[in-house]
Amino acid sequence: MTPPLEELLKRVDSKYTLVVAAAKRSRQLMEGHPKVVDTPSHKPVTIALLEINEGKVTVDMPETGPDRC
């Protein structure tokens, strides 16, 4: 089961960051990287979201400032 959006947003600064992080981790899983959560799911996106929700995968958030677009 996929974690609720409200829970996932506690781990990142925006929905955009969540989507990018989940996509990147999903690609890693499809390339053969091992999953770091215990789940019966074989869906890469579900696994990635569970890993993010449990804090097993860190999400690098870019710094914001006047020199960033």
PDB file of N, CA and C in Angstrom:
ATOM      1  N   MET A   1       0.839  -1.182   0.000  1.00  0.00           N
ATOM      2  CA  MET A   1       0.000   0.000   0.000  1.00  0.00           C
ATOM      3  C   MET A   1       0.881   1.241   0.000  1.00  0.00           C
ATOM      4  N   THR A   2       0.536   2.195  -0.829  1.00  0.00           N
ATOM      5  CA  THR A   2       1.292   3.435  -0.952  1.00  0.00           C
ATOM      6  C   THR A   2       0.991   4.347   0.237  1.00  0.00           C
ATOM      7  N   PRO A   3       2.018   4.985   0.808  1.00  0.00           N
ATOM      8  CA  PRO A   3       1.786   5.899   1.928  1.00  0.00           C
ATOM      9  C   PRO A   3       0.966   7.114   1.493  1.00  0.00           C
ATOM     10  N   PRO A   4       0.204   7.688   2.408  1.00  0.00           N
ATOM     11  CA  PRO A   4      -0.585   8.882   2.071  1.00  0.00           C
ATOM     12  C   PRO A   4       0.320  10.066   1.700  1.00  0.00           C
ATOM     13  N   LEU A   5      -0.161  10.895   0.811  1.00  0.00           N
ATOM     14  CA  LEU A   5       0.586  12.056   0.351  1.00  0.00           C
ATOM     15  C   LEU A   5       0.995  12.959   1.515  1.00  0.00           C
ATOM     16  N   GLU A   6       0.125  13.128   2.486  1.00  0.00           N
ATOM     17  CA  GLU A   6       0.419  13.993   3.630  1.00  0.00           C
ATOM     18  C   GLU A   6       1.652  13.505   4.380  1.00  0.00           C
ATOM     19  N   GLU A   7       1.795  12.188   4.509  1.00  0.00           N
ATOM     20  CA  GLU A   7       2.955  11.617   5.185  1.00  0.00           C
ATOM     21  C   GLU A   7       4.217  11.828   4.358  1.00  0.00           C
ATOM     22  N   LEU A   8       4.112  11.623   3.060  1.00  0.00           N
ATOM     23  CA  LEU A   8       5.269  11.780   2.179  1.00  0.00           C
ATOM     24  C   LEU A   8       5.769  13.219   2.148  1.00  0.00           C
ATOM     25  N   LEU A   9       4.856  14.173   2.194  1.00  0.00           N
ATOM     26  CA  LEU A   9       5.241  15.580   2.133  1.00  0.00           C
ATOM     27  C   LEU A   9       5.964  16.056   3.388  1.00  0.00           C
ATOM     28  N   LYS A  10       5.928  15.259   4.457  1.00  0.00           N
ATOM     29  CA  LYS A  10       6.699  15.584   5.663  1.00  0.00           C
ATOM     30  C   LYS A  10       8.184  15.336   5.436  1.00  0.00           C
ATOM     31  N   ARG A  11       8.518  14.539   4.413  1.00  0.00           N
ATOM     32  CA  ARG A  11       9.907  14.166   4.133  1.00  0.00           C
ATOM     33  C   ARG A  11      10.571  15.060   3.088  1.00  0.00           C
ATOM     34  N   VAL A  12       9.776  15.821   2.345  1.00  0.00           N
ATOM     35  CA  VAL A  12      10.306  16.661   1.266  1.00  0.00           C
ATOM     36  C   VAL A  12       9.702  18.053   1.355  1.00  0.00           C
ATOM     37  N   ASP A  13      10.215  18.958   0.527  1.00  0.00           N
ATOM     38  CA  ASP A  13       9.734  20.337   0.591  1.00  0.00           C
ATOM     39  C   ASP A  13       8.584  20.644  -0.366  1.00  0.00           C
ATOM     40  N   SER A  14       8.331  19.744  -1.341  1.00  0.00           N
ATOM     41  CA  SER A  14       7.252  20.002  -2.290  1.00  0.00           C
ATOM     42  C   SER A  14       6.858  18.716  -3.016  1.00  0.00           C
ATOM     43  N   LYS A  15       5.721  18.763  -3.677  1.00  0.00           N
ATOM     44  CA  LYS A  15       5.276  17.620  -4.481  1.00  0.00           C
ATOM     45  C   LYS A  15       6.235  17.382  -5.637  1.00  0.00           C
ATOM     46  N   TYR A  16       6.767  18.452  -6.189  1.00  0.00           N
ATOM     47  CA  TYR A  16       7.710  18.333  -7.297  1.00  0.00           C
ATOM     48  C   TYR A  16       8.948  17.537  -6.863  1.00  0.00           C
ATOM     49  N   THR A  17       9.496  17.878  -5.711  1.00  0.00           N
ATOM     50  CA  THR A  17      10.665  17.173  -5.191  1.00  0.00           C
ATOM     51  C   THR A  17      10.339  15.707  -4.964  1.00  0.00           C
ATOM     52  N   LEU A  18       9.154  15.432  -4.456  1.00  0.00           N
ATOM     53  CA  LEU A  18       8.732  14.056  -4.217  1.00  0.00           C
ATOM     54  C   LEU A  18       8.677  13.271  -5.525  1.00  0.00           C
ATOM     55  N   VAL A  19       8.103  13.855  -6.549  1.00  0.00           N
ATOM     56  CA  VAL A  19       7.983  13.173  -7.844  1.00  0.00           C
ATOM     57  C   VAL A  19       9.358  12.892  -8.438  1.00  0.00           C
ATOM     58  N   VAL A  20      10.241  13.877  -8.387  1.00  0.00           N
ATOM     59  CA  VAL A  20      11.585  13.695  -8.940  1.00  0.00           C
ATOM     60  C   VAL A  20      12.339  12.617  -8.165  1.00  0.00           C
ATOM     61  N   ALA A  21      12.255  12.652  -6.833  1.00  0.00           N
ATOM     62  CA  ALA A  21      12.956  11.668  -6.006  1.00  0.00           C
ATOM     63  C   ALA A  21      12.408  10.260  -6.236  1.00  0.00           C
ATOM     64  N   ALA A  22      11.083  10.129  -6.304  1.00  0.00           N
ATOM     65  CA  ALA A  22      10.476   8.816  -6.537  1.00  0.00           C
ATOM     66  C   ALA A  22      10.841   8.277  -7.917  1.00  0.00           C
ATOM     67  N   ALA A  23      10.878   9.140  -8.912  1.00  0.00           N
ATOM     68  CA  ALA A  23      11.238   8.706 -10.258  1.00  0.00           C
ATOM     69  C   ALA A  23      12.693   8.247 -10.314  1.00  0.00           C
ATOM     70  N   LYS A  24      13.570   9.003  -9.678  1.00  0.00           N
ATOM     71  CA  LYS A  24      14.994   8.651  -9.679  1.00  0.00           C
ATOM     72  C   LYS A  24      15.212   7.315  -8.973  1.00  0.00           C
ATOM     73  N   ARG A  25      14.590   7.153  -7.809  1.00  0.00           N
ATOM     74  CA  ARG A  25      14.757   5.903  -7.061  1.00  0.00           C
ATOM     75  C   ARG A  25      14.108   4.733  -7.806  1.00  0.00           C
ATOM     76  N   SER A  26      12.985   4.957  -8.456  1.00  0.00           N
ATOM     77  CA  SER A  26      12.322   3.912  -9.238  1.00  0.00           C
ATOM     78  C   SER A  26      13.228   3.419 -10.354  1.00  0.00           C
ATOM     79  N   ARG A  27      13.902   4.340 -11.031  1.00  0.00           N
ATOM     80  CA  ARG A  27      14.848   3.958 -12.086  1.00  0.00           C
ATOM     81  C   ARG A  27      15.983   3.115 -11.512  1.00  0.00           C
ATOM     82  N   GLN A  28      16.471   3.499 -10.337  1.00  0.00           N
ATOM     83  CA  GLN A  28      17.534   2.713  -9.707  1.00  0.00           C
ATOM     84  C   GLN A  28      17.061   1.290  -9.415  1.00  0.00           C
ATOM     85  N   LEU A  29      15.853   1.165  -8.915  1.00  0.00           N
ATOM     86  CA  LEU A  29      15.298  -0.156  -8.604  1.00  0.00           C
ATOM     87  C   LEU A  29      15.151  -0.989  -9.876  1.00  0.00           C
ATOM     88  N   MET A  30      14.702  -0.374 -10.960  1.00  0.00           N
ATOM     89  CA  MET A  30      14.543  -1.090 -12.224  1.00  0.00           C
ATOM     90  C   MET A  30      15.890  -1.514 -12.804  1.00  0.00           C
ATOM     91  N   GLU A  31      16.949  -0.781 -12.459  1.00  0.00           N
ATOM     92  CA  GLU A  31      18.286  -1.131 -12.925  1.00  0.00           C
ATOM     93  C   GLU A  31      18.920  -2.244 -12.087  1.00  0.00           C
ATOM     94  N   GLY A  32      18.242  -2.648 -11.013  1.00  0.00           N
ATOM     95  CA  GLY A  32      18.746  -3.763 -10.222  1.00  0.00           C
ATOM     96  C   GLY A  32      19.228  -3.423  -8.827  1.00  0.00           C
ATOM     97  N   HIS A  33      19.155  -2.172  -8.436  1.00  0.00           N
ATOM     98  CA  HIS A  33      19.546  -1.816  -7.077  1.00  0.00           C
ATOM     99  C   HIS A  33      18.603  -2.507  -6.087  1.00  0.00           C
ATOM    100  N   PRO A  34      19.116  -2.949  -4.947  1.00  0.00           N
ATOM    101  CA  PRO A  34      18.253  -3.645  -3.984  1.00  0.00           C
ATOM    102  C   PRO A  34      17.301  -2.687  -3.266  1.00  0.00           C
ATOM    103  N   LYS A  35      16.117  -3.174  -2.960  1.00  0.00           N
ATOM    104  CA  LYS A  35      15.181  -2.356  -2.181  1.00  0.00           C
ATOM    105  C   LYS A  35      15.608  -2.402  -0.721  1.00  0.00           C
ATOM    106  N   VAL A  36      15.324  -1.345   0.010  1.00  0.00           N
ATOM    107  CA  VAL A  36      15.758  -1.242   1.401  1.00  0.00           C
ATOM    108  C   VAL A  36      14.584  -1.257   2.384  1.00  0.00           C
ATOM    109  N   VAL A  37      13.419  -1.644   1.894  1.00  0.00           N
ATOM    110  CA  VAL A  37      12.250  -1.824   2.755  1.00  0.00           C
ATOM    111  C   VAL A  37      11.702  -3.229   2.525  1.00  0.00           C
ATOM    112  N   ASP A  38      11.028  -3.740   3.525  1.00  0.00           N
ATOM    113  CA  ASP A  38      10.418  -5.053   3.410  1.00  0.00           C
ATOM    114  C   ASP A  38       8.976  -4.869   2.947  1.00  0.00           C
ATOM    115  N   THR A  39       8.730  -5.194   1.704  1.00  0.00           N
ATOM    116  CA  THR A  39       7.390  -5.061   1.134  1.00  0.00           C
ATOM    117  C   THR A  39       7.177  -6.158   0.101  1.00  0.00           C
ATOM    118  N   PRO A  40       5.965  -6.679   0.013  1.00  0.00           N
ATOM    119  CA  PRO A  40       5.696  -7.697  -1.007  1.00  0.00           C
ATOM    120  C   PRO A  40       5.523  -7.098  -2.409  1.00  0.00           C
ATOM    121  N   SER A  41       5.437  -5.780  -2.496  1.00  0.00           N
ATOM    122  CA  SER A  41       5.221  -5.127  -3.784  1.00  0.00           C
ATOM    123  C   SER A  41       6.438  -5.277  -4.688  1.00  0.00           C
ATOM    124  N   HIS A  42       6.175  -5.411  -5.981  1.00  0.00           N
ATOM    125  CA  HIS A  42       7.232  -5.471  -6.973  1.00  0.00           C
ATOM    126  C   HIS A  42       7.229  -4.228  -7.853  1.00  0.00           C
ATOM    127  N   LYS A  43       6.339  -3.285  -7.543  1.00  0.00           N
ATOM    128  CA  LYS A  43       6.221  -2.062  -8.335  1.00  0.00           C
ATOM    129  C   LYS A  43       7.278  -1.055  -7.878  1.00  0.00           C
ATOM    130  N   PRO A  44       8.145  -0.643  -8.785  1.00  0.00           N
ATOM    131  CA  PRO A  44       9.245   0.255  -8.406  1.00  0.00           C
ATOM    132  C   PRO A  44       8.788   1.579  -7.783  1.00  0.00           C
ATOM    133  N   VAL A  45       7.728   2.168  -8.290  1.00  0.00           N
ATOM    134  CA  VAL A  45       7.273   3.451  -7.751  1.00  0.00           C
ATOM    135  C   VAL A  45       6.746   3.269  -6.328  1.00  0.00           C
ATOM    136  N   THR A  46       5.989   2.214  -6.095  1.00  0.00           N
ATOM    137  CA  THR A  46       5.472   1.939  -4.753  1.00  0.00           C
ATOM    138  C   THR A  46       6.611   1.722  -3.776  1.00  0.00           C
ATOM    139  N   ILE A  47       7.599   0.942  -4.188  1.00  0.00           N
ATOM    140  CA  ILE A  47       8.753   0.672  -3.328  1.00  0.00           C
ATOM    141  C   ILE A  47       9.501   1.972  -3.034  1.00  0.00           C
ATOM    142  N   ALA A  48       9.707   2.787  -4.056  1.00  0.00           N
ATOM    143  CA  ALA A  48      10.409   4.060  -3.880  1.00  0.00           C
ATOM    144  C   ALA A  48       9.673   4.960  -2.896  1.00  0.00           C
ATOM    145  N   LEU A  49       8.364   5.059  -3.017  1.00  0.00           N
ATOM    146  CA  LEU A  49       7.583   5.904  -2.101  1.00  0.00           C
ATOM    147  C   LEU A  49       7.637   5.371  -0.672  1.00  0.00           C
ATOM    148  N   LEU A  50       7.597   4.054  -0.507  1.00  0.00           N
ATOM    149  CA  LEU A  50       7.716   3.468   0.828  1.00  0.00           C
ATOM    150  C   LEU A  50       9.086   3.766   1.431  1.00  0.00           C
ATOM    151  N   GLU A  51      10.138   3.662   0.617  1.00  0.00           N
ATOM    152  CA  GLU A  51      11.485   3.945   1.101  1.00  0.00           C
ATOM    153  C   GLU A  51      11.626   5.405   1.518  1.00  0.00           C
ATOM    154  N   ILE A  52      11.063   6.300   0.743  1.00  0.00           N
ATOM    155  CA  ILE A  52      11.106   7.727   1.084  1.00  0.00           C
ATOM    156  C   ILE A  52      10.331   7.973   2.363  1.00  0.00           C
ATOM    157  N   ASN A  53       9.155   7.384   2.476  1.00  0.00           N
ATOM    158  CA  ASN A  53       8.308   7.584   3.650  1.00  0.00           C
ATOM    159  C   ASN A  53       8.975   7.075   4.926  1.00  0.00           C
ATOM    160  N   GLU A  54       9.690   5.969   4.831  1.00  0.00           N
ATOM    161  CA  GLU A  54      10.344   5.393   6.003  1.00  0.00           C
ATOM    162  C   GLU A  54      11.701   6.026   6.296  1.00  0.00           C
ATOM    163  N   GLY A  55      12.128   6.970   5.466  1.00  0.00           N
ATOM    164  CA  GLY A  55      13.398   7.636   5.687  1.00  0.00           C
ATOM    165  C   GLY A  55      14.605   6.785   5.342  1.00  0.00           C
ATOM    166  N   LYS A  56      14.397   5.711   4.594  1.00  0.00           N
ATOM    167  CA  LYS A  56      15.489   4.816   4.211  1.00  0.00           C
ATOM    168  C   LYS A  56      16.261   5.357   3.019  1.00  0.00           C
ATOM    169  N   VAL A  57      15.646   6.268   2.294  1.00  0.00           N
ATOM    170  CA  VAL A  57      16.278   6.910   1.145  1.00  0.00           C
ATOM    171  C   VAL A  57      16.259   8.407   1.424  1.00  0.00           C
ATOM    172  N   THR A  58      17.409   9.032   1.308  1.00  0.00           N
ATOM    173  CA  THR A  58      17.456  10.470   1.546  1.00  0.00           C
ATOM    174  C   THR A  58      17.150  11.220   0.262  1.00  0.00           C
ATOM    175  N   VAL A  59      16.506  12.339   0.419  1.00  0.00           N
ATOM    176  CA  VAL A  59      16.145  13.182  -0.717  1.00  0.00           C
ATOM    177  C   VAL A  59      16.970  14.448  -0.615  1.00  0.00           C
ATOM    178  N   ASP A  60      17.835  14.649  -1.603  1.00  0.00           N
ATOM    179  CA  ASP A  60      18.640  15.870  -1.635  1.00  0.00           C
ATOM    180  C   ASP A  60      17.794  16.999  -2.190  1.00  0.00           C
ATOM    181  N   MET A  61      17.567  18.007  -1.343  1.00  0.00           N
ATOM    182  CA  MET A  61      16.776  19.151  -1.766  1.00  0.00           C
ATOM    183  C   MET A  61      17.720  20.302  -2.094  1.00  0.00           C
ATOM    184  N   PRO A  62      17.593  20.868  -3.290  1.00  0.00           N
ATOM    185  CA  PRO A  62      18.480  21.970  -3.670  1.00  0.00           C
ATOM    186  C   PRO A  62      18.241  23.198  -2.804  1.00  0.00           C
ATOM    187  N   GLU A  63      19.317  23.944  -2.598  1.00  0.00           N
ATOM    188  CA  GLU A  63      19.189  25.184  -1.861  1.00  0.00           C
ATOM    189  C   GLU A  63      18.481  26.209  -2.738  1.00  0.00           C
ATOM    190  N   THR A  64      17.714  27.065  -2.114  1.00  0.00           N
ATOM    191  CA  THR A  64      17.053  28.132  -2.859  1.00  0.00           C
ATOM    192  C   THR A  64      17.681  29.448  -2.470  1.00  0.00           C
ATOM    193  N   GLY A  65      17.639  30.361  -3.357  1.00  0.00           N
ATOM    194  CA  GLY A  65      18.208  31.672  -3.090  1.00  0.00           C
ATOM    195  C   GLY A  65      18.108  32.547  -4.304  1.00  0.00           C
ATOM    196  N   PRO A  66      18.619  33.766  -4.205  1.00  0.00           N
ATOM    197  CA  PRO A  66      18.486  34.695  -5.322  1.00  0.00           C
ATOM    198  C   PRO A  66      19.236  34.275  -6.575  1.00  0.00           C
ATOM    199  N   ASP A  67      20.272  33.452  -6.431  1.00  0.00           N
ATOM    200  CA  ASP A  67      21.026  33.036  -7.605  1.00  0.00           C
ATOM    201  C   ASP A  67      20.482  31.760  -8.243  1.00  0.00           C
ATOM    202  N   ARG A  68      19.434  31.187  -7.686  1.00  0.00           N
ATOM    203  CA  ARG A  68      18.807  29.977  -8.230  1.00  0.00           C
ATOM    204  C   ARG A  68      17.575  30.350  -9.028  1.00  0.00           C
ATOM    205  N   CYS A  69      17.324  29.656 -10.088  1.00  0.00           N
ATOM    206  CA  CYS A  69      16.143  29.899 -10.924  1.00  0.00           C
ATOM    207  C   CYS A  69      14.996  29.045 -10.457  1.00  0.00           C
TER     208      CYS A  69
END
